[in-house]
Protein backbone atom coordinates (compact mmCIF):
# COMPACT_ATOMS: atom_id res chain seq x y z
CA UNK A 1 25.87 -0.84 8.60
CA UNK A 2 24.48 1.89 10.63
CA UNK A 3 20.46 2.29 11.35
CA UNK A 4 21.00 5.68 10.44
CA UNK A 5 22.25 4.65 7.34
CA UNK A 6 18.98 2.88 6.07
CA UNK A 7 17.30 5.88 6.95
CA UNK A 8 19.30 8.11 4.65
CA UNK A 9 18.89 5.38 1.71
CA UNK A 10 14.97 5.49 2.12
CA UNK A 11 15.17 9.17 2.29
CA UNK A 12 17.69 9.22 -1.08
CA UNK A 13 15.06 6.42 -2.35
CA UNK A 14 12.11 8.94 -1.82
CA UNK A 15 13.98 11.76 -4.05
CA UNK A 16 14.62 9.46 -6.91
CA UNK A 17 11.38 8.46 -6.65
CA UNK A 18 10.33 11.76 -6.90
CA UNK A 19 12.73 12.58 -9.96
CA UNK A 20 11.69 9.77 -11.75
CA UNK A 21 14.57 7.74 -11.81
CA UNK A 22 12.94 4.37 -10.46
CA UNK A 23 15.96 2.47 -11.10
CA UNK A 24 18.07 4.30 -8.36
CA UNK A 25 15.34 4.77 -6.15
CA UNK A 26 14.19 0.93 -5.79
CA UNK A 27 18.68 -0.08 -5.47
CA UNK A 28 18.13 2.59 -2.71
CA UNK A 29 14.96 1.59 -0.53
CA UNK A 30 16.58 -2.20 -1.54
CA UNK A 31 19.77 -0.96 0.66
CA UNK A 32 18.29 0.81 3.59
CA UNK A 33 15.84 -2.11 3.92
CA UNK A 34 18.62 -4.89 3.81
CA UNK A 35 19.79 -2.91 7.17
CA UNK A 36 16.40 -2.55 8.89
CA UNK A 37 15.76 -6.38 8.50
CA UNK A 38 19.49 -6.84 10.16
CA UNK A 39 19.49 -4.45 12.31
CA UNK A 40 15.29 -4.37 13.50
CA UNK A 41 13.85 -7.59 11.90
CA UNK A 42 11.09 -8.20 9.87
CA UNK A 43 8.41 -7.15 12.38
CA UNK A 44 9.37 -2.98 13.00
CA UNK A 45 7.49 0.05 12.03
CA UNK A 46 10.30 1.02 9.90
CA UNK A 47 11.36 -2.14 7.92
CA UNK A 48 7.73 -2.45 7.46
CA UNK A 49 7.72 1.71 5.50
CA UNK A 50 10.74 0.16 3.13
CA UNK A 51 8.49 -2.35 2.45
CA UNK A 52 5.73 -0.70 1.32
CA UNK A 53 7.90 2.00 -0.60
CA UNK A 54 9.64 -0.88 -2.72
CA UNK A 55 5.87 -2.05 -3.08
CA UNK A 56 4.57 1.08 -4.06
CA UNK A 57 7.40 1.61 -6.44
CA UNK A 58 6.61 -1.92 -7.87
CA UNK A 59 3.16 -0.59 -7.99
CA UNK A 60 4.40 2.60 -9.99
CA UNK A 61 6.12 0.35 -12.74
CA UNK A 62 2.94 -1.89 -13.29
CA UNK A 63 4.68 -4.72 -11.46
CA UNK A 64 1.37 -5.93 -9.23
CA UNK A 65 2.59 -9.09 -7.85
CA UNK A 66 5.99 -7.82 -6.14
CA UNK A 67 3.82 -4.49 -4.81
CA UNK A 68 0.88 -6.98 -3.56
CA UNK A 69 3.81 -9.37 -1.88
CA UNK A 70 5.47 -5.62 -0.68
CA UNK A 71 2.45 -4.60 0.65
CA UNK A 72 1.72 -7.66 2.50
CA UNK A 73 4.67 -7.85 4.05
CA UNK A 74 4.46 -4.37 5.68
CA UNK A 75 0.61 -5.52 6.61
CA UNK A 76 2.46 -8.34 8.32
CA UNK A 77 4.98 -6.46 9.77
CA UNK A 78 2.18 -3.94 11.03
CA UNK A 79 0.18 -6.16 12.81
CA UNK A 80 2.79 -7.67 15.17
CA UNK A 81 3.21 -4.13 16.47
CA UNK A 82 0.16 -2.08 15.82
CA UNK A 83 -3.09 -2.01 16.86
CA UNK A 84 -5.92 -3.63 14.99
CA UNK A 85 -7.28 -0.22 14.63
CA UNK A 86 -4.13 1.50 13.72
CA UNK A 87 -4.16 4.16 10.91
CA UNK A 88 -1.28 2.69 9.48
CA UNK A 89 -2.64 -0.57 8.85
CA UNK A 90 -5.76 0.88 7.11
CA UNK A 91 -3.01 2.38 4.47
CA UNK A 92 -2.21 -1.52 3.86
CA UNK A 93 -5.55 -2.59 3.55
CA UNK A 94 -6.07 0.91 0.95
CA UNK A 95 -2.79 -0.17 -1.12
CA UNK A 96 -3.84 -3.57 -1.28
CA UNK A 97 -7.12 -2.87 -2.69
CA UNK A 98 -5.56 -0.43 -5.01
CA UNK A 99 -3.75 -3.39 -6.30
CA UNK A 100 -6.74 -5.64 -6.37
CA UNK A 101 -8.68 -3.22 -8.61
CA UNK A 102 -5.31 -2.20 -10.71
CA UNK A 103 -5.62 -6.08 -11.93
CA UNK A 104 -10.16 -6.06 -11.98
CA UNK A 105 -10.64 -7.95 -9.26
CA UNK A 106 -13.13 -5.62 -8.08
CA UNK A 107 -14.88 -7.97 -5.18
CA UNK A 108 -11.54 -8.12 -3.61
CA UNK A 109 -10.34 -4.28 -3.93
CA UNK A 110 -14.09 -3.92 -2.89
CA UNK A 111 -12.89 -5.96 0.57
CA UNK A 112 -9.83 -4.22 1.31
CA UNK A 113 -11.13 -0.92 1.12
CA UNK A 114 -13.84 -2.01 3.58
CA UNK A 115 -11.34 -3.20 6.58
CA UNK A 116 -9.56 0.30 5.80
CA UNK A 117 -12.77 2.79 5.80
CA UNK A 118 -13.45 -0.01 9.50
CA UNK A 119 -10.63 0.41 10.59
CA UNK A 120 -9.94 4.02 9.68
CA UNK A 121 -13.19 5.14 11.52
CA UNK A 122 -12.03 3.43 14.38
CA UNK A 123 -8.47 5.73 14.79
CA UNK A 124 -9.32 8.66 13.28
CA UNK A 125 -13.59 9.11 13.93
CA UNK A 126 -15.99 9.06 11.23
CA UNK A 127 -15.72 12.43 10.49
CA UNK A 128 -11.99 12.35 9.64
CA UNK A 129 -10.98 13.49 6.32
CA UNK A 130 -9.77 10.24 5.51
CA UNK A 131 -13.32 8.32 5.79
CA UNK A 132 -13.95 10.34 2.54
CA UNK A 133 -11.12 8.47 0.84
CA UNK A 134 -12.14 5.41 1.50
CA UNK A 135 -16.14 5.59 1.15
CA UNK A 136 -14.96 7.15 -2.76
CA UNK A 137 -13.36 3.94 -3.45
CA UNK A 138 -15.64 2.01 -2.51
CA UNK A 139 -18.65 3.84 -4.21
CA UNK A 140 -16.49 3.71 -7.38
CA UNK A 141 -15.79 -0.33 -7.13
CA UNK A 142 -19.63 -0.45 -6.66
CA UNK A 143 -20.74 2.15 -9.71
CA UNK A 144 -18.07 0.26 -11.47
CA UNK A 145 -19.29 -3.03 -10.78
CA UNK A 146 -23.04 -1.84 -11.81
CA UNK A 147 -21.57 -0.67 -15.10
CA UNK A 148 -19.95 -4.29 -15.77
CA UNK A 149 -23.41 -6.15 -15.08
CA UNK A 150 -24.32 -4.30 -18.68
CA UNK A 151 -23.09 -6.73 -21.69
CA UNK A 152 -22.26 -3.93 -23.41
CA UNK A 153 -19.24 -2.97 -21.04
CA UNK A 154 -17.86 -6.63 -20.10
CA UNK A 155 -14.28 -6.03 -22.08
CA UNK A 156 -14.26 -2.30 -21.50
CA UNK A 157 -10.72 -1.29 -19.57
CA UNK A 158 -10.82 0.82 -16.64
């Protein structure tokens, strides 16, 4: 399998995902991942992109355990090749935060989003538009946590 084929499979996966053909998308992402792991190994930026795309697809289908697993693999790959303050690493912490949030683990979500924010500020600067996104996630969790301290809202679903 040629490495260019892995990129083609990945791009087809993205296209199928956007069209709503999630099974076909997963099939293409997995084919591309297999080639990337064979050619590049597990700790390469393109392999990390494949892990992230598969994680995103799992997340879209509410398969949070599998999404978390893939996002962590992506994070591990990226921390092996990028500096700790690279924006791609920030993205991974943001994705992990979203998974924790979806599973109502607000403290872990907040922790991940704070890590993401810290890295974004270091890599992109305090005035970058991406900083607003990270700040708004943290504020959302803080507001929700405050609401949940009211006993009437304990069982309220997000």
